[in-house]
Amino acid sequence: MPFTPYHFGPSAFIGLVFRKWLDIPVLVLANVIVDVEALVIHLFRLGYPSHRYCHTLLIGAVLGLLWGASAYPLRHLFKWLMQILRIPYQTGFWKMLISGVLGVWLHVLIDSIYHWDIMAFWPSHARLPHRLLNPQQVEVVCLAFFAAAIIVYMIMLILSYKSKTDRTGEKKHN
């Protein structure tokens, strides 16, 4: 699914639920980084399938590590963005590396169900079950994860607001 927002739902949900161990911006943006390969293949008409090496677990892990390492200098920008979104943000180098790899792998997993040309286990020719779900079902699942991510985010905001009002000594309303 190159250049679609469908990948953001599952990665945002996983990132929010496991934010203590994962870096949300790195995890979510890893889903964009991996599709640069499809863009380059398409723009330069290289004649390869749109999803080549970066859409494998092996090369995808390397790409995720590179993305996590290159995102490390951007951590202050990410912190600023997360403050705007009111999401607590503490990160570290290893957290960013792991998030980069998991973000790419999640993208590969979703795409390998959706697209015929993905060989997730390259250099082996074994494939994940293509069309385990039909394209519309994959899109619905991804949209459901997006809705779930919004619900988790709203709960976080409510609990954060409630926690702040409890700490400031304001009267609780029942």
N, C-alpha and C. Protein backbone atom coordinates (compact mmCIF):
# COMPACT_ATOMS: atom_id res chain seq x y z
N MET A 1 0.82 -1.18 0.00
CA MET A 1 0.00 0.00 0.00
C MET A 1 0.86 1.25 0.00
N PRO A 2 1.65 1.48 -1.01
CA PRO A 2 2.50 2.66 -0.95
C PRO A 2 1.68 3.94 -0.94
N PHE A 3 2.15 4.86 -0.13
CA PHE A 3 1.60 6.21 -0.08
C PHE A 3 0.14 6.26 0.31
N THR A 4 -0.26 5.37 1.21
CA THR A 4 -1.59 5.44 1.77
C THR A 4 -1.46 5.62 3.28
N PRO A 5 -2.48 6.16 3.90
CA PRO A 5 -2.41 6.36 5.36
C PRO A 5 -2.74 5.11 6.16
N TYR A 6 -3.03 4.00 5.49
CA TYR A 6 -3.48 2.80 6.21
C TYR A 6 -2.46 2.28 7.21
N HIS A 7 -1.18 2.44 6.93
CA HIS A 7 -0.16 1.94 7.85
C HIS A 7 -0.12 2.70 9.17
N PHE A 8 -0.60 3.93 9.16
CA PHE A 8 -0.50 4.75 10.36
C PHE A 8 -1.39 4.25 11.49
N GLY A 9 -2.53 3.64 11.18
CA GLY A 9 -3.43 3.15 12.22
C GLY A 9 -2.78 2.10 13.11
N PRO A 10 -2.30 0.99 12.53
CA PRO A 10 -1.67 -0.02 13.37
C PRO A 10 -0.42 0.50 14.10
N SER A 11 0.41 1.28 13.42
CA SER A 11 1.63 1.75 14.08
C SER A 11 1.32 2.77 15.17
N ALA A 12 0.33 3.64 14.96
CA ALA A 12 -0.06 4.60 16.00
C ALA A 12 -0.64 3.87 17.21
N PHE A 13 -1.47 2.88 16.97
CA PHE A 13 -2.06 2.12 18.07
C PHE A 13 -0.98 1.41 18.88
N ILE A 14 -0.11 0.69 18.20
CA ILE A 14 0.96 -0.04 18.89
C ILE A 14 1.88 0.94 19.61
N GLY A 15 2.21 2.05 18.94
CA GLY A 15 3.07 3.06 19.56
C GLY A 15 2.47 3.65 20.82
N LEU A 16 1.17 3.96 20.79
CA LEU A 16 0.51 4.54 21.96
C LEU A 16 0.40 3.54 23.10
N VAL A 17 0.01 2.32 22.78
CA VAL A 17 -0.15 1.31 23.81
C VAL A 17 1.19 0.94 24.46
N PHE A 18 2.24 0.88 23.65
CA PHE A 18 3.56 0.47 24.15
C PHE A 18 4.54 1.64 24.20
N ARG A 19 4.03 2.85 24.44
CA ARG A 19 4.87 4.06 24.40
C ARG A 19 5.99 4.04 25.44
N LYS A 20 5.84 3.26 26.49
CA LYS A 20 6.90 3.17 27.49
C LYS A 20 8.16 2.53 26.89
N TRP A 21 7.98 1.64 25.93
CA TRP A 21 9.10 0.90 25.35
C TRP A 21 9.41 1.30 23.91
N LEU A 22 8.49 2.02 23.26
CA LEU A 22 8.68 2.38 21.85
C LEU A 22 8.65 3.88 21.67
N ASP A 23 9.30 4.34 20.63
CA ASP A 23 9.32 5.74 20.26
C ASP A 23 8.25 5.94 19.18
N ILE A 24 7.16 6.61 19.53
CA ILE A 24 6.02 6.74 18.63
C ILE A 24 6.37 7.40 17.30
N PRO A 25 7.05 8.56 17.30
CA PRO A 25 7.35 9.18 16.00
C PRO A 25 8.22 8.31 15.10
N VAL A 26 9.21 7.65 15.68
CA VAL A 26 10.09 6.79 14.87
C VAL A 26 9.31 5.61 14.32
N LEU A 27 8.49 5.00 15.16
CA LEU A 27 7.68 3.85 14.74
C LEU A 27 6.73 4.23 13.60
N VAL A 28 6.03 5.34 13.76
CA VAL A 28 5.05 5.75 12.75
C VAL A 28 5.75 6.18 11.45
N LEU A 29 6.82 6.96 11.57
CA LEU A 29 7.50 7.44 10.37
C LEU A 29 8.28 6.34 9.64
N ALA A 30 8.59 5.25 10.33
CA ALA A 30 9.23 4.12 9.65
C ALA A 30 8.34 3.58 8.54
N ASN A 31 7.05 3.76 8.70
CA ASN A 31 6.11 3.31 7.67
C ASN A 31 6.17 4.17 6.41
N VAL A 32 6.67 5.38 6.53
CA VAL A 32 6.86 6.23 5.37
C VAL A 32 8.21 5.94 4.73
N ILE A 33 9.21 5.80 5.57
CA ILE A 33 10.59 5.58 5.10
C ILE A 33 10.67 4.36 4.20
N VAL A 34 10.01 3.28 4.57
CA VAL A 34 10.12 2.05 3.79
C VAL A 34 9.52 2.20 2.39
N ASP A 35 8.54 3.07 2.24
CA ASP A 35 7.93 3.24 0.91
C ASP A 35 8.71 4.17 -0.02
N VAL A 36 9.81 4.72 0.46
CA VAL A 36 10.68 5.50 -0.44
C VAL A 36 11.19 4.58 -1.56
N GLU A 37 11.42 3.31 -1.22
CA GLU A 37 11.85 2.34 -2.23
C GLU A 37 10.84 2.25 -3.37
N ALA A 38 9.57 2.11 -3.04
CA ALA A 38 8.53 2.00 -4.07
C ALA A 38 8.46 3.28 -4.90
N LEU A 39 8.64 4.42 -4.25
CA LEU A 39 8.63 5.71 -4.97
C LEU A 39 9.79 5.79 -5.95
N VAL A 40 10.98 5.41 -5.52
CA VAL A 40 12.16 5.46 -6.40
C VAL A 40 11.99 4.51 -7.58
N ILE A 41 11.52 3.30 -7.32
CA ILE A 41 11.31 2.33 -8.40
C ILE A 41 10.29 2.86 -9.41
N HIS A 42 9.24 3.49 -8.90
CA HIS A 42 8.21 4.03 -9.78
C HIS A 42 8.70 5.26 -10.55
N LEU A 43 9.32 6.21 -9.86
CA LEU A 43 9.76 7.45 -10.51
C LEU A 43 10.82 7.24 -11.58
N PHE A 44 11.75 6.35 -11.28
CA PHE A 44 12.85 6.12 -12.22
C PHE A 44 12.57 4.95 -13.17
N ARG A 45 11.37 4.41 -13.09
CA ARG A 45 10.96 3.30 -13.98
C ARG A 45 12.05 2.24 -14.09
N LEU A 46 12.41 1.69 -12.95
CA LEU A 46 13.51 0.73 -12.89
C LEU A 46 13.13 -0.66 -13.40
N GLY A 47 11.85 -0.90 -13.57
CA GLY A 47 11.42 -2.19 -14.12
C GLY A 47 11.36 -3.29 -13.08
N TYR A 48 11.54 -2.98 -11.82
CA TYR A 48 11.43 -3.96 -10.74
C TYR A 48 10.01 -3.92 -10.20
N PRO A 49 9.64 -4.97 -9.49
CA PRO A 49 8.38 -4.86 -8.74
C PRO A 49 8.49 -3.68 -7.76
N SER A 50 7.38 -3.04 -7.46
CA SER A 50 7.39 -1.85 -6.61
C SER A 50 7.97 -2.10 -5.23
N HIS A 51 7.84 -3.31 -4.75
CA HIS A 51 8.31 -3.64 -3.41
C HIS A 51 9.45 -4.63 -3.54
N ARG A 52 10.65 -4.13 -3.39
CA ARG A 52 11.82 -4.96 -3.64
C ARG A 52 12.48 -5.36 -2.33
N TYR A 53 13.64 -4.86 -2.06
CA TYR A 53 14.46 -5.31 -0.93
C TYR A 53 14.08 -4.69 0.41
N CYS A 54 13.70 -3.43 0.41
CA CYS A 54 13.34 -2.78 1.68
C CYS A 54 12.06 -3.37 2.25
N HIS A 55 11.27 -4.01 1.42
CA HIS A 55 10.04 -4.65 1.87
C HIS A 55 10.29 -6.11 2.23
N THR A 56 11.46 -6.38 2.79
CA THR A 56 11.79 -7.71 3.32
C THR A 56 12.15 -7.52 4.80
N LEU A 57 12.05 -8.59 5.56
CA LEU A 57 12.37 -8.50 6.98
C LEU A 57 13.87 -8.25 7.21
N LEU A 58 14.71 -8.84 6.37
CA LEU A 58 16.16 -8.70 6.54
C LEU A 58 16.62 -7.27 6.22
N ILE A 59 16.41 -6.83 5.00
CA ILE A 59 16.84 -5.48 4.61
C ILE A 59 16.00 -4.43 5.33
N GLY A 60 14.74 -4.76 5.61
CA GLY A 60 13.89 -3.86 6.37
C GLY A 60 14.44 -3.59 7.76
N ALA A 61 15.02 -4.63 8.38
CA ALA A 61 15.63 -4.43 9.70
C ALA A 61 16.80 -3.46 9.61
N VAL A 62 17.61 -3.60 8.57
CA VAL A 62 18.74 -2.68 8.37
C VAL A 62 18.22 -1.26 8.15
N LEU A 63 17.19 -1.15 7.30
CA LEU A 63 16.59 0.16 7.05
C LEU A 63 16.02 0.76 8.34
N GLY A 64 15.36 -0.06 9.14
CA GLY A 64 14.81 0.41 10.41
C GLY A 64 15.89 0.87 11.37
N LEU A 65 17.01 0.14 11.41
CA LEU A 65 18.14 0.56 12.26
C LEU A 65 18.72 1.88 11.77
N LEU A 66 18.87 2.01 10.46
CA LEU A 66 19.39 3.26 9.91
C LEU A 66 18.45 4.43 10.19
N TRP A 67 17.15 4.18 10.03
CA TRP A 67 16.18 5.24 10.32
C TRP A 67 16.21 5.61 11.80
N GLY A 68 16.22 4.62 12.69
CA GLY A 68 16.26 4.90 14.12
C GLY A 68 17.49 5.70 14.51
N ALA A 69 18.65 5.32 13.94
CA ALA A 69 19.90 6.03 14.24
C ALA A 69 19.87 7.45 13.67
N SER A 70 19.33 7.61 12.45
CA SER A 70 19.31 8.96 11.88
C SER A 70 18.24 9.84 12.52
N ALA A 71 17.24 9.23 13.14
CA ALA A 71 16.21 10.01 13.82
C ALA A 71 16.69 10.49 15.19
N TYR A 72 17.72 9.85 15.73
CA TYR A 72 18.19 10.22 17.07
C TYR A 72 18.51 11.71 17.21
N PRO A 73 19.19 12.33 16.25
CA PRO A 73 19.43 13.78 16.37
C PRO A 73 18.14 14.62 16.30
N LEU A 74 17.05 14.03 15.84
CA LEU A 74 15.78 14.75 15.74
C LEU A 74 14.91 14.59 16.99
N ARG A 75 15.45 13.94 18.02
CA ARG A 75 14.64 13.63 19.20
C ARG A 75 14.06 14.87 19.87
N HIS A 76 14.76 15.99 19.80
CA HIS A 76 14.24 17.22 20.41
C HIS A 76 13.04 17.75 19.62
N LEU A 77 13.09 17.61 18.31
CA LEU A 77 11.95 17.98 17.46
C LEU A 77 10.76 17.07 17.76
N PHE A 78 11.03 15.78 17.89
CA PHE A 78 9.97 14.83 18.22
C PHE A 78 9.37 15.14 19.60
N LYS A 79 10.23 15.50 20.55
CA LYS A 79 9.74 15.83 21.89
C LYS A 79 8.81 17.05 21.82
N TRP A 80 9.20 18.05 21.06
CA TRP A 80 8.38 19.24 20.88
C TRP A 80 7.02 18.86 20.28
N LEU A 81 7.03 18.02 19.25
CA LEU A 81 5.80 17.58 18.60
C LEU A 81 4.92 16.80 19.58
N MET A 82 5.53 15.93 20.36
CA MET A 82 4.78 15.14 21.32
C MET A 82 4.21 16.01 22.43
N GLN A 83 4.91 17.08 22.78
CA GLN A 83 4.38 18.02 23.78
C GLN A 83 3.13 18.72 23.23
N ILE A 84 3.17 19.08 21.97
CA ILE A 84 2.00 19.70 21.34
C ILE A 84 0.81 18.73 21.39
N LEU A 85 1.10 17.45 21.14
CA LEU A 85 0.04 16.42 21.16
C LEU A 85 -0.30 15.96 22.58
N ARG A 86 0.45 16.49 23.57
CA ARG A 86 0.26 16.14 24.98
C ARG A 86 0.47 14.66 25.26
N ILE A 87 1.47 14.10 24.59
CA ILE A 87 1.84 12.70 24.82
C ILE A 87 3.19 12.70 25.53
N PRO A 88 3.27 12.08 26.72
CA PRO A 88 4.56 12.02 27.41
C PRO A 88 5.60 11.36 26.50
N TYR A 89 6.80 11.94 26.51
CA TYR A 89 7.82 11.45 25.57
C TYR A 89 9.18 11.39 26.25
N GLN A 90 9.67 10.19 26.37
CA GLN A 90 11.04 9.96 26.81
C GLN A 90 11.61 8.93 25.87
N THR A 91 12.75 9.23 25.32
CA THR A 91 13.33 8.31 24.35
C THR A 91 14.79 8.10 24.62
N GLY A 92 15.35 7.22 23.88
CA GLY A 92 16.77 6.93 23.94
C GLY A 92 17.20 6.27 22.64
N PHE A 93 18.48 6.14 22.47
CA PHE A 93 19.02 5.61 21.22
C PHE A 93 18.48 4.21 20.92
N TRP A 94 18.51 3.31 21.91
CA TRP A 94 18.07 1.92 21.68
C TRP A 94 16.57 1.85 21.44
N LYS A 95 15.84 2.68 22.13
CA LYS A 95 14.38 2.73 21.94
C LYS A 95 14.06 3.16 20.51
N MET A 96 14.83 4.09 19.98
CA MET A 96 14.61 4.58 18.62
C MET A 96 15.00 3.51 17.59
N LEU A 97 16.09 2.78 17.86
CA LEU A 97 16.49 1.71 16.95
C LEU A 97 15.42 0.61 16.88
N ILE A 98 14.96 0.18 18.05
CA ILE A 98 13.95 -0.88 18.10
C ILE A 98 12.66 -0.41 17.41
N SER A 99 12.27 0.83 17.64
CA SER A 99 11.06 1.37 17.03
C SER A 99 11.19 1.45 15.51
N GLY A 100 12.36 1.80 15.02
CA GLY A 100 12.58 1.85 13.57
C GLY A 100 12.41 0.48 12.94
N VAL A 101 13.01 -0.53 13.56
CA VAL A 101 12.91 -1.90 13.02
C VAL A 101 11.47 -2.39 13.10
N LEU A 102 10.82 -2.23 14.24
CA LEU A 102 9.44 -2.71 14.37
C LEU A 102 8.49 -1.97 13.44
N GLY A 103 8.72 -0.69 13.22
CA GLY A 103 7.88 0.07 12.30
C GLY A 103 7.98 -0.45 10.88
N VAL A 104 9.21 -0.72 10.44
CA VAL A 104 9.40 -1.26 9.08
C VAL A 104 8.80 -2.67 8.99
N TRP A 105 9.05 -3.49 10.00
CA TRP A 105 8.50 -4.86 9.97
C TRP A 105 6.97 -4.86 9.95
N LEU A 106 6.36 -3.95 10.67
CA LEU A 106 4.90 -3.87 10.65
C LEU A 106 4.42 -3.50 9.25
N HIS A 107 5.12 -2.58 8.61
CA HIS A 107 4.79 -2.18 7.24
C HIS A 107 4.92 -3.39 6.30
N VAL A 108 6.01 -4.11 6.43
CA VAL A 108 6.25 -5.28 5.57
C VAL A 108 5.16 -6.33 5.80
N LEU A 109 4.80 -6.55 7.04
CA LEU A 109 3.76 -7.54 7.35
C LEU A 109 2.44 -7.16 6.69
N ILE A 110 2.03 -5.92 6.83
CA ILE A 110 0.77 -5.48 6.23
C ILE A 110 0.84 -5.56 4.71
N ASP A 111 1.93 -5.07 4.15
CA ASP A 111 2.06 -5.10 2.68
C ASP A 111 2.16 -6.51 2.13
N SER A 112 2.77 -7.42 2.88
CA SER A 112 2.92 -8.79 2.35
C SER A 112 1.57 -9.50 2.28
N ILE A 113 0.63 -9.09 3.07
CA ILE A 113 -0.72 -9.65 2.97
C ILE A 113 -1.46 -9.00 1.79
N TYR A 114 -1.14 -7.76 1.53
CA TYR A 114 -1.86 -6.95 0.55
C TYR A 114 -1.31 -7.08 -0.88
N HIS A 115 0.02 -7.15 -1.01
CA HIS A 115 0.66 -7.12 -2.34
C HIS A 115 1.30 -8.47 -2.69
N TRP A 116 1.17 -8.85 -3.92
CA TRP A 116 1.69 -10.13 -4.39
C TRP A 116 3.21 -10.15 -4.50
N ASP A 117 3.85 -9.00 -4.73
CA ASP A 117 5.27 -8.97 -5.06
C ASP A 117 6.19 -8.92 -3.85
N ILE A 118 5.67 -9.02 -2.65
CA ILE A 118 6.50 -8.93 -1.44
C ILE A 118 7.03 -10.31 -1.07
N MET A 119 8.34 -10.39 -0.93
CA MET A 119 8.99 -11.62 -0.43
C MET A 119 9.62 -11.26 0.92
N ALA A 120 8.78 -11.28 1.96
CA ALA A 120 9.20 -10.82 3.28
C ALA A 120 10.43 -11.57 3.80
N PHE A 121 10.58 -12.83 3.45
CA PHE A 121 11.67 -13.65 3.98
C PHE A 121 12.88 -13.71 3.05
N TRP A 122 12.98 -12.79 2.08
CA TRP A 122 14.10 -12.78 1.17
C TRP A 122 15.39 -12.87 1.97
N PRO A 123 16.38 -13.64 1.54
CA PRO A 123 16.60 -14.23 0.22
C PRO A 123 15.82 -15.51 -0.06
N SER A 124 15.11 -16.03 0.93
CA SER A 124 14.24 -17.17 0.67
C SER A 124 13.06 -16.69 -0.19
N HIS A 125 12.53 -17.57 -0.96
CA HIS A 125 11.38 -17.21 -1.79
C HIS A 125 10.06 -17.51 -1.08
N ALA A 126 10.15 -17.94 0.17
CA ALA A 126 8.93 -18.19 0.96
C ALA A 126 8.20 -16.87 1.15
N ARG A 127 6.92 -16.96 1.14
CA ARG A 127 6.10 -15.74 1.28
C ARG A 127 5.09 -15.92 2.40
N LEU A 128 4.74 -14.79 2.99
CA LEU A 128 3.61 -14.79 3.91
C LEU A 128 2.36 -15.00 3.08
N PRO A 129 1.30 -15.48 3.69
CA PRO A 129 0.10 -15.75 2.89
C PRO A 129 -0.48 -14.49 2.25
N HIS A 130 -0.18 -14.32 0.97
CA HIS A 130 -0.72 -13.19 0.21
C HIS A 130 -2.23 -13.35 0.14
N ARG A 131 -2.89 -12.27 0.32
CA ARG A 131 -4.35 -12.22 0.27
C ARG A 131 -4.99 -13.09 1.37
N LEU A 132 -4.28 -13.17 2.51
CA LEU A 132 -4.88 -13.79 3.69
C LEU A 132 -6.21 -13.10 3.96
N LEU A 133 -6.18 -11.80 3.75
CA LEU A 133 -7.40 -10.98 3.76
C LEU A 133 -7.46 -10.29 2.40
N ASN A 134 -8.65 -9.98 1.95
CA ASN A 134 -8.70 -9.25 0.68
C ASN A 134 -8.36 -7.79 0.95
N PRO A 135 -8.04 -7.02 -0.09
CA PRO A 135 -7.60 -5.63 0.12
C PRO A 135 -8.57 -4.78 0.94
N GLN A 136 -9.85 -4.96 0.73
CA GLN A 136 -10.82 -4.18 1.50
C GLN A 136 -10.77 -4.56 2.98
N GLN A 137 -10.58 -5.85 3.28
CA GLN A 137 -10.49 -6.28 4.67
C GLN A 137 -9.23 -5.72 5.34
N VAL A 138 -8.13 -5.69 4.60
CA VAL A 138 -6.89 -5.11 5.15
C VAL A 138 -7.12 -3.64 5.47
N GLU A 139 -7.76 -2.93 4.57
CA GLU A 139 -8.04 -1.51 4.78
C GLU A 139 -8.95 -1.32 5.99
N VAL A 140 -9.97 -2.15 6.14
CA VAL A 140 -10.88 -2.04 7.28
C VAL A 140 -10.14 -2.31 8.59
N VAL A 141 -9.28 -3.33 8.60
CA VAL A 141 -8.50 -3.63 9.80
C VAL A 141 -7.60 -2.45 10.15
N CYS A 142 -6.94 -1.89 9.15
CA CYS A 142 -6.06 -0.74 9.40
C CYS A 142 -6.84 0.47 9.89
N LEU A 143 -8.02 0.71 9.32
CA LEU A 143 -8.86 1.82 9.78
C LEU A 143 -9.38 1.56 11.20
N ALA A 144 -9.68 0.30 11.51
CA ALA A 144 -10.11 -0.04 12.87
C ALA A 144 -8.99 0.25 13.87
N PHE A 145 -7.76 -0.07 13.50
CA PHE A 145 -6.63 0.26 14.37
C PHE A 145 -6.47 1.77 14.51
N PHE A 146 -6.74 2.52 13.45
CA PHE A 146 -6.67 3.97 13.53
C PHE A 146 -7.71 4.50 14.51
N ALA A 147 -8.93 3.96 14.42
CA ALA A 147 -9.98 4.36 15.36
C ALA A 147 -9.58 3.98 16.79
N ALA A 148 -9.01 2.80 16.96
CA ALA A 148 -8.56 2.37 18.28
C ALA A 148 -7.45 3.28 18.80
N ALA A 149 -6.57 3.72 17.91
CA ALA A 149 -5.50 4.64 18.32
C ALA A 149 -6.09 5.97 18.79
N ILE A 150 -7.11 6.45 18.12
CA ILE A 150 -7.76 7.70 18.54
C ILE A 150 -8.39 7.51 19.92
N ILE A 151 -9.02 6.37 20.14
CA ILE A 151 -9.63 6.10 21.45
C ILE A 151 -8.57 6.05 22.54
N VAL A 152 -7.46 5.35 22.29
CA VAL A 152 -6.37 5.29 23.27
C VAL A 152 -5.83 6.69 23.54
N TYR A 153 -5.65 7.48 22.49
CA TYR A 153 -5.15 8.85 22.63
C TYR A 153 -6.11 9.69 23.48
N MET A 154 -7.40 9.58 23.22
CA MET A 154 -8.39 10.35 23.99
C MET A 154 -8.38 9.92 25.46
N ILE A 155 -8.28 8.65 25.72
CA ILE A 155 -8.20 8.15 27.10
C ILE A 155 -6.95 8.70 27.77
N MET A 156 -5.83 8.72 27.06
CA MET A 156 -4.59 9.29 27.61
C MET A 156 -4.79 10.75 27.99
N LEU A 157 -5.42 11.52 27.11
CA LEU A 157 -5.65 12.94 27.38
C LEU A 157 -6.55 13.13 28.60
N ILE A 158 -7.61 12.34 28.68
CA ILE A 158 -8.54 12.44 29.81
C ILE A 158 -7.83 12.09 31.12
N LEU A 159 -7.08 10.99 31.11
CA LEU A 159 -6.36 10.59 32.33
C LEU A 159 -5.29 11.61 32.70
N SER A 160 -4.64 12.20 31.72
CA SER A 160 -3.63 13.21 31.99
C SER A 160 -4.27 14.45 32.60
N TYR A 161 -5.40 14.86 32.05
CA TYR A 161 -6.11 16.04 32.57
C TYR A 161 -6.59 15.77 33.99
N LYS A 162 -7.14 14.57 34.20
CA LYS A 162 -7.64 14.19 35.51
C LYS A 162 -6.51 14.16 36.53
N SER A 163 -5.37 13.63 36.12
CA SER A 163 -4.21 13.56 37.00
C SER A 163 -3.72 14.96 37.38
N LYS A 164 -3.70 15.87 36.41
CA LYS A 164 -3.25 17.24 36.68
C LYS A 164 -4.20 17.96 37.62
N THR A 165 -5.50 17.77 37.42
CA THR A 165 -6.46 18.44 38.31
C THR A 165 -6.39 17.85 39.71
N ASP A 166 -6.11 16.56 39.84
CA ASP A 166 -5.96 15.94 41.15
C ASP A 166 -4.73 16.50 41.87
N ARG A 167 -3.65 16.72 41.15
CA ARG A 167 -2.40 17.23 41.74
C ARG A 167 -2.51 18.69 42.14
N THR A 168 -3.31 19.46 41.42
CA THR A 168 -3.41 20.89 41.73
C THR A 168 -4.37 21.14 42.88
N GLY A 169 -5.05 20.10 43.34
CA GLY A 169 -5.92 20.26 44.49
C GLY A 169 -7.28 20.81 44.16
N GLU A 170 -7.61 20.86 42.88
CA GLU A 170 -8.94 21.34 42.52
C GLU A 170 -9.98 20.34 42.96
N LYS A 171 -11.16 20.84 43.21
CA LYS A 171 -12.25 19.99 43.66
C LYS A 171 -12.66 19.05 42.53
N LYS A 172 -12.82 17.78 42.89
CA LYS A 172 -13.28 16.80 41.91
C LYS A 172 -14.79 16.92 41.73
N HIS A 173 -15.23 16.74 40.53
CA HIS A 173 -16.66 16.73 40.25
C HIS A 173 -17.08 15.29 40.00
N ASN A 174 -18.08 14.84 40.73
CA ASN A 174 -18.56 13.45 40.56
C ASN A 174 -19.76 13.42 39.69
